[in-house]
Amino acid sequence: MTNTKWLYLDNPPSDVAEKIRQLFASAKLEADWADTADAAAICISWPADRTECNEGMLYSGGFMTCPEAFKAAARIGMDRTTFGKLLNLLDIKLKQCQFGCF
């Protein structure tokens, strides 16, 4: 049974979009890419300013709390280690880390 994740990439740099696709493929996660943000479980955007992310919206260069990151990972069925790689790829910083690392 295929586990579908609906993701929307809002005007990504082409090299980053490819890296995101490769990350999903290497984690053996099926991903369907939505045509609109409304159809997506998670939207990934590239704003000019550092913006706070939440479980349904990831902003490249942004920041989020560990609990929100855990919710976002669960929302698309991704393990926390792989989701951490996605956050690194998107340069998203964690705050209020539950491990006390950040």
C-alpha atoms as a PDB file:
ATOM      1  CA  MET A   1       0.000   0.000   0.000  1.00  0.00           C
ATOM      2  CA  THR A   2       1.385   3.394  -0.992  1.00  0.00           C
ATOM      3  CA  ASN A   3       1.620   6.009   1.740  1.00  0.00           C
ATOM      4  CA  THR A   4       0.969   9.349   0.025  1.00  0.00           C
ATOM      5  CA  LYS A   5       2.238  12.664   1.355  1.00  0.00           C
ATOM      6  CA  TRP A   6       0.873  15.839  -0.184  1.00  0.00           C
ATOM      7  CA  LEU A   7       3.535  18.519  -0.260  1.00  0.00           C
ATOM      8  CA  TYR A   8       3.485  21.875  -1.982  1.00  0.00           C
ATOM      9  CA  LEU A   9       6.727  23.628  -2.842  1.00  0.00           C
ATOM     10  CA  ASP A  10       6.105  27.361  -3.247  1.00  0.00           C
ATOM     11  CA  ASN A  11       8.632  28.586  -5.854  1.00  0.00           C
ATOM     12  CA  PRO A  12      11.660  26.644  -4.641  1.00  0.00           C
ATOM     13  CA  PRO A  13      15.130  27.066  -6.097  1.00  0.00           C
ATOM     14  CA  SER A  14      15.420  24.177  -8.562  1.00  0.00           C
ATOM     15  CA  ASP A  15      18.458  22.633  -6.861  1.00  0.00           C
ATOM     16  CA  VAL A  16      16.682  22.611  -3.479  1.00  0.00           C
ATOM     17  CA  ALA A  17      13.521  21.100  -4.964  1.00  0.00           C
ATOM     18  CA  GLU A  18      15.607  18.277  -6.386  1.00  0.00           C
ATOM     19  CA  LYS A  19      17.359  17.725  -3.036  1.00  0.00           C
ATOM     20  CA  ILE A  20      13.982  17.521  -1.286  1.00  0.00           C
ATOM     21  CA  ARG A  21      12.797  14.927  -3.803  1.00  0.00           C
ATOM     22  CA  GLN A  22      16.025  12.973  -3.324  1.00  0.00           C
ATOM     23  CA  LEU A  23      15.604  13.068   0.466  1.00  0.00           C
ATOM     24  CA  PHE A  24      12.128  11.559   0.173  1.00  0.00           C
ATOM     25  CA  ALA A  25      13.366   8.929  -2.266  1.00  0.00           C
ATOM     26  CA  SER A  26      16.361   7.974  -0.087  1.00  0.00           C
ATOM     27  CA  ALA A  27      14.023   7.610   2.917  1.00  0.00           C
ATOM     28  CA  LYS A  28      11.775   5.432   0.734  1.00  0.00           C
ATOM     29  CA  LEU A  29       8.853   7.803   1.280  1.00  0.00           C
ATOM     30  CA  GLU A  30       6.298   8.157  -1.463  1.00  0.00           C
ATOM     31  CA  ALA A  31       5.497  11.822  -2.028  1.00  0.00           C
ATOM     32  CA  ASP A  32       2.820  13.364  -4.175  1.00  0.00           C
ATOM     33  CA  TRP A  33       3.423  17.015  -4.896  1.00  0.00           C
ATOM     34  CA  ALA A  34       0.285  19.145  -4.638  1.00  0.00           C
ATOM     35  CA  ASP A  35      -0.547  21.782  -7.249  1.00  0.00           C
ATOM     36  CA  THR A  36      -1.790  24.249  -4.626  1.00  0.00           C
ATOM     37  CA  ALA A  37      -1.022  25.012  -0.989  1.00  0.00           C
ATOM     38  CA  ASP A  38      -4.640  24.270  -0.072  1.00  0.00           C
ATOM     39  CA  ALA A  39      -4.266  20.665  -1.251  1.00  0.00           C
ATOM     40  CA  ALA A  40      -1.083  20.036   0.738  1.00  0.00           C
ATOM     41  CA  ALA A  41      -0.481  18.516   4.162  1.00  0.00           C
ATOM     42  CA  ILE A  42       2.619  20.709   4.341  1.00  0.00           C
ATOM     43  CA  CYS A  43       3.587  23.731   2.279  1.00  0.00           C
ATOM     44  CA  ILE A  44       7.251  24.720   1.966  1.00  0.00           C
ATOM     45  CA  SER A  45       7.948  28.344   1.094  1.00  0.00           C
ATOM     46  CA  TRP A  46      10.998  30.561   0.551  1.00  0.00           C
ATOM     47  CA  PRO A  47      10.229  33.972   2.116  1.00  0.00           C
ATOM     48  CA  ALA A  48      12.687  36.863   2.283  1.00  0.00           C
ATOM     49  CA  ASP A  49      12.551  37.117   6.087  1.00  0.00           C
ATOM     50  CA  ARG A  50      13.172  34.589   8.867  1.00  0.00           C
ATOM     51  CA  THR A  51       9.654  33.393   9.681  1.00  0.00           C
ATOM     52  CA  GLU A  52       8.255  31.065  12.343  1.00  0.00           C
ATOM     53  CA  CYS A  53       7.171  27.702  10.930  1.00  0.00           C
ATOM     54  CA  ASN A  54       4.333  25.482  12.133  1.00  0.00           C
ATOM     55  CA  GLU A  55       3.206  21.934  11.505  1.00  0.00           C
ATOM     56  CA  GLY A  56       1.575  22.805   8.169  1.00  0.00           C
ATOM     57  CA  MET A  57       3.931  25.509   6.896  1.00  0.00           C
ATOM     58  CA  LEU A  58       7.716  25.336   6.619  1.00  0.00           C
ATOM     59  CA  TYR A  59       9.616  28.496   5.715  1.00  0.00           C
ATOM     60  CA  SER A  60      13.134  28.067   4.399  1.00  0.00           C
ATOM     61  CA  GLY A  61      15.468  30.022   6.660  1.00  0.00           C
ATOM     62  CA  GLY A  62      12.814  30.034   9.376  1.00  0.00           C
ATOM     63  CA  PHE A  63      12.543  28.610  12.861  1.00  0.00           C
ATOM     64  CA  MET A  64      10.219  26.329  14.839  1.00  0.00           C
ATOM     65  CA  THR A  65       9.886  24.583  18.173  1.00  0.00           C
ATOM     66  CA  CYS A  66      10.576  20.883  18.666  1.00  0.00           C
ATOM     67  CA  PRO A  67       6.893  20.107  19.394  1.00  0.00           C
ATOM     68  CA  GLU A  68       5.861  21.757  16.105  1.00  0.00           C
ATOM     69  CA  ALA A  69       8.628  19.885  14.261  1.00  0.00           C
ATOM     70  CA  PHE A  70       7.437  16.578  15.746  1.00  0.00           C
ATOM     71  CA  LYS A  71       3.857  17.340  14.645  1.00  0.00           C
ATOM     72  CA  ALA A  72       4.994  18.239  11.117  1.00  0.00           C
ATOM     73  CA  ALA A  73       7.039  15.047  10.812  1.00  0.00           C
ATOM     74  CA  ALA A  74       4.077  12.961  11.965  1.00  0.00           C
ATOM     75  CA  ARG A  75       1.768  14.815   9.588  1.00  0.00           C
ATOM     76  CA  ILE A  76       3.686  13.455   6.601  1.00  0.00           C
ATOM     77  CA  GLY A  77       4.717  10.153   8.182  1.00  0.00           C
ATOM     78  CA  MET A  78       8.422  10.977   8.291  1.00  0.00           C
ATOM     79  CA  ASP A  79      10.685   9.796  11.098  1.00  0.00           C
ATOM     80  CA  ARG A  80      12.287  12.530  13.204  1.00  0.00           C
ATOM     81  CA  THR A  81      15.827  11.868  11.961  1.00  0.00           C
ATOM     82  CA  THR A  82      14.833  12.268   8.311  1.00  0.00           C
ATOM     83  CA  PHE A  83      12.697  15.294   9.172  1.00  0.00           C
ATOM     84  CA  GLY A  84      15.773  16.806  10.852  1.00  0.00           C
ATOM     85  CA  LYS A  85      17.620  16.375   7.551  1.00  0.00           C
ATOM     86  CA  LEU A  86      14.780  18.207   5.804  1.00  0.00           C
ATOM     87  CA  LEU A  87      15.021  21.041   8.339  1.00  0.00           C
ATOM     88  CA  ASN A  88      18.790  21.238   7.760  1.00  0.00           C
ATOM     89  CA  LEU A  89      18.260  21.304   3.997  1.00  0.00           C
ATOM     90  CA  LEU A  90      15.787  24.171   4.419  1.00  0.00           C
ATOM     91  CA  ASP A  91      18.002  25.980   6.977  1.00  0.00           C
ATOM     92  CA  ILE A  92      15.194  25.873   9.559  1.00  0.00           C
ATOM     93  CA  LYS A  93      16.430  26.355  13.109  1.00  0.00           C
ATOM     94  CA  LEU A  94      14.882  24.709  16.165  1.00  0.00           C
ATOM     95  CA  LYS A  95      14.098  26.663  19.302  1.00  0.00           C
ATOM     96  CA  GLN A  96      12.903  25.385  22.675  1.00  0.00           C
ATOM     97  CA  CYS A  97      14.660  22.099  21.909  1.00  0.00           C
ATOM     98  CA  GLN A  98      13.437  19.291  24.121  1.00  0.00           C
ATOM     99  CA  PHE A  99      16.954  17.847  24.230  1.00  0.00           C
ATOM    100  CA  GLY A 100      18.453  21.198  25.262  1.00  0.00           C
ATOM    101  CA  CYS A 101      20.764  21.136  22.242  1.00  0.00           C
ATOM    102  CA  PHE A 102      19.653  24.328  20.514  1.00  0.00           C
END
